[in-house]
């Protein structure tokens, strides 16, 4: 079903994807030209030539919770200007929602603990979390459509 997800996303965003090195990149955030890199997480879905889907979050927060969640699910976080690369399957809507919640928690100040590491997280995290929730809804819609197609074939 995952190769169908890649095809579905390309079709859903027809004309908006960019191709680089054989992969198709589709922006799934709500970034506009007036946003700067420091105050925004750029979020893309990278679809490989064999239709594997990888979530790419640039300038992401890198709390221990986010790192653990990404690594447990087979993803990576690069150092420096942190970037998340996380393989995504059609059934990973819950994972995206968990990641969104981890982004929201990244800016919660807990008494007695140091505050978040980067002041830009105050603007990045809530918006990125909303974008991840939106992408989770896209996965839900895809799974629903696949279930309807399967029902139609059984009838």
Protein backbone atom coordinates (compact mmCIF):
# COMPACT_ATOMS: atom_id res chain seq x y z
CA UNK A 1 0.00 0.00 0.00
CA UNK A 2 2.98 2.36 0.56
CA UNK A 3 3.80 2.61 -3.16
CA UNK A 4 0.19 3.65 -3.66
CA UNK A 5 0.71 6.35 -1.00
CA UNK A 6 3.61 7.83 -2.94
CA UNK A 7 1.54 7.87 -6.13
CA UNK A 8 -1.44 9.32 -4.24
CA UNK A 9 0.66 12.17 -2.81
CA UNK A 10 2.18 12.99 -6.19
CA UNK A 11 -1.30 13.03 -7.73
CA UNK A 12 -2.77 15.05 -4.85
CA UNK A 13 -0.07 17.71 -5.20
CA UNK A 14 0.21 17.54 -8.97
CA UNK A 15 2.34 20.36 -10.31
CA UNK A 16 3.64 21.51 -6.93
CA UNK A 17 6.40 18.97 -6.38
CA UNK A 18 10.04 19.59 -7.21
CA UNK A 19 12.34 16.88 -8.52
CA UNK A 20 15.90 16.52 -7.27
CA UNK A 21 18.21 13.56 -7.89
CA UNK A 22 15.27 11.43 -9.01
CA UNK A 23 13.20 12.09 -5.88
CA UNK A 24 10.04 14.19 -5.78
CA UNK A 25 9.76 16.72 -2.96
CA UNK A 26 6.33 18.00 -1.94
CA UNK A 27 6.01 20.85 0.55
CA UNK A 28 3.46 19.96 3.23
CA UNK A 29 3.96 22.98 5.49
CA UNK A 30 2.13 26.29 5.22
CA UNK A 31 5.24 28.41 4.69
CA UNK A 32 4.97 31.67 2.80
CA UNK A 33 7.73 33.84 1.34
CA UNK A 34 7.85 36.17 4.36
CA UNK A 35 8.88 33.39 6.76
CA UNK A 36 12.58 33.14 7.46
CA UNK A 37 14.47 29.89 7.84
CA UNK A 38 15.30 30.55 11.49
CA UNK A 39 11.66 30.87 12.50
CA UNK A 40 10.16 28.08 10.49
CA UNK A 41 10.46 24.32 10.06
CA UNK A 42 10.40 23.47 6.36
CA UNK A 43 8.47 20.23 6.01
CA UNK A 44 8.52 18.12 2.88
CA UNK A 45 7.54 14.66 1.84
CA UNK A 46 10.25 13.06 -0.29
CA UNK A 47 9.02 10.37 -2.64
CA UNK A 48 11.71 8.14 -4.08
CA UNK A 49 11.58 6.70 -7.62
CA UNK A 50 10.26 3.44 -6.14
CA UNK A 51 7.54 5.48 -4.34
CA UNK A 52 8.88 5.17 -0.80
CA UNK A 53 7.73 8.13 1.31
CA UNK A 54 10.08 9.96 3.68
CA UNK A 55 9.07 12.88 5.88
CA UNK A 56 11.79 15.57 5.92
CA UNK A 57 11.62 18.29 8.59
CA UNK A 58 14.33 20.94 8.27
CA UNK A 59 15.38 23.19 11.20
CA UNK A 60 13.51 20.93 13.58
CA UNK A 61 13.70 21.00 17.35
CA UNK A 62 15.84 18.17 18.67
CA UNK A 63 14.64 17.37 22.14
CA UNK A 64 15.43 13.94 23.58
CA UNK A 65 11.76 12.98 23.13
CA UNK A 66 11.75 13.92 19.44
CA UNK A 67 15.07 12.18 18.81
CA UNK A 68 13.85 9.00 20.56
CA UNK A 69 10.54 8.98 18.66
CA UNK A 70 12.24 9.46 15.29
CA UNK A 71 14.94 6.85 15.93
CA UNK A 72 12.50 4.24 17.28
CA UNK A 73 10.59 4.46 14.01
CA UNK A 74 13.64 4.08 11.78
CA UNK A 75 14.32 7.75 11.13
CA UNK A 76 17.39 9.91 11.63
CA UNK A 77 18.14 13.40 12.89
CA UNK A 78 21.19 15.12 11.47
CA UNK A 79 23.16 17.45 13.72
CA UNK A 80 23.91 21.13 13.16
CA UNK A 81 20.79 22.59 11.62
CA UNK A 82 18.74 19.58 12.70
CA UNK A 83 16.85 17.72 10.01
CA UNK A 84 14.51 14.81 10.58
CA UNK A 85 14.25 12.10 7.93
CA UNK A 86 11.50 9.67 8.84
CA UNK A 87 10.15 6.88 6.62
CA UNK A 88 6.36 7.11 6.52
CA UNK A 89 3.87 4.37 5.74
CA UNK A 90 0.22 4.87 4.91
CA UNK A 91 -0.71 3.66 8.40
CA UNK A 92 1.54 6.14 10.25
CA UNK A 93 -1.02 8.84 11.03
CA UNK A 94 -0.73 8.08 14.76
CA UNK A 95 3.07 8.38 14.58
CA UNK A 96 2.72 11.83 12.95
CA UNK A 97 0.31 12.90 15.68
CA UNK A 98 2.76 11.68 18.35
CA UNK A 99 5.54 13.64 16.66
CA UNK A 100 3.28 16.72 16.55
CA UNK A 101 2.64 16.38 20.30
CA UNK A 102 6.39 16.04 20.93
CA UNK A 103 6.89 19.31 19.02
CA UNK A 104 4.26 20.99 21.21
CA UNK A 105 5.93 19.67 24.36
CA UNK A 106 9.31 20.99 23.18
CA UNK A 107 8.26 24.51 24.22
CA UNK A 108 6.57 23.66 27.50
CA UNK A 109 8.47 25.07 30.42
CA UNK A 110 8.58 22.71 33.39
CA UNK A 111 9.38 24.27 36.78
CA UNK A 112 12.83 23.28 37.94
CA UNK A 113 14.01 22.28 34.47
CA UNK A 114 15.86 24.40 31.92
CA UNK A 115 13.62 26.02 29.27
CA UNK A 116 13.76 25.01 25.63
CA UNK A 117 17.14 25.45 23.94
CA UNK A 118 16.21 27.85 21.15
CA UNK A 119 13.92 30.91 21.31
CA UNK A 120 12.80 30.30 17.70
CA UNK A 121 11.08 27.12 18.87
CA UNK A 122 8.27 29.33 20.25
CA UNK A 123 7.18 30.08 16.68
CA UNK A 124 8.42 26.89 14.98
CA UNK A 125 6.93 24.20 17.15
CA UNK A 126 3.21 25.05 17.18
CA UNK A 127 3.11 25.67 13.42
CA UNK A 128 5.12 22.52 12.60
CA UNK A 129 2.85 20.50 14.90
CA UNK A 130 -0.23 21.77 13.02
CA UNK A 131 1.42 20.85 9.71
CA UNK A 132 2.19 17.34 10.98
CA UNK A 133 -1.41 16.95 12.15
CA UNK A 134 -2.59 18.06 8.70
CA UNK A 135 -0.36 15.45 7.05
CA UNK A 136 -1.73 12.81 9.44
CA UNK A 137 -5.22 13.68 8.16
CA UNK A 138 -3.98 13.17 4.59
CA UNK A 139 -2.81 9.67 5.58
CA UNK A 140 -6.21 9.01 7.21
CA UNK A 141 -7.96 10.11 4.01
CA UNK A 142 -5.70 7.88 1.93
CA UNK A 143 -6.37 4.84 4.13
CA UNK A 144 -10.12 5.51 3.98
CA UNK A 145 -10.00 5.75 0.19
CA UNK A 146 -8.02 2.49 -0.02
CA UNK A 147 -10.56 0.76 2.23
CA UNK A 148 -13.40 1.97 -0.02
CA UNK A 149 -11.58 0.68 -3.10
CA UNK A 150 -11.06 -2.70 -1.37
CA UNK A 151 -14.76 -2.83 -0.41
CA UNK A 152 -15.72 -2.13 -4.00
CA UNK A 153 -13.56 -5.00 -5.23
CA UNK A 154 -15.18 -7.40 -2.75
CA UNK A 155 -18.73 -6.53 -3.78
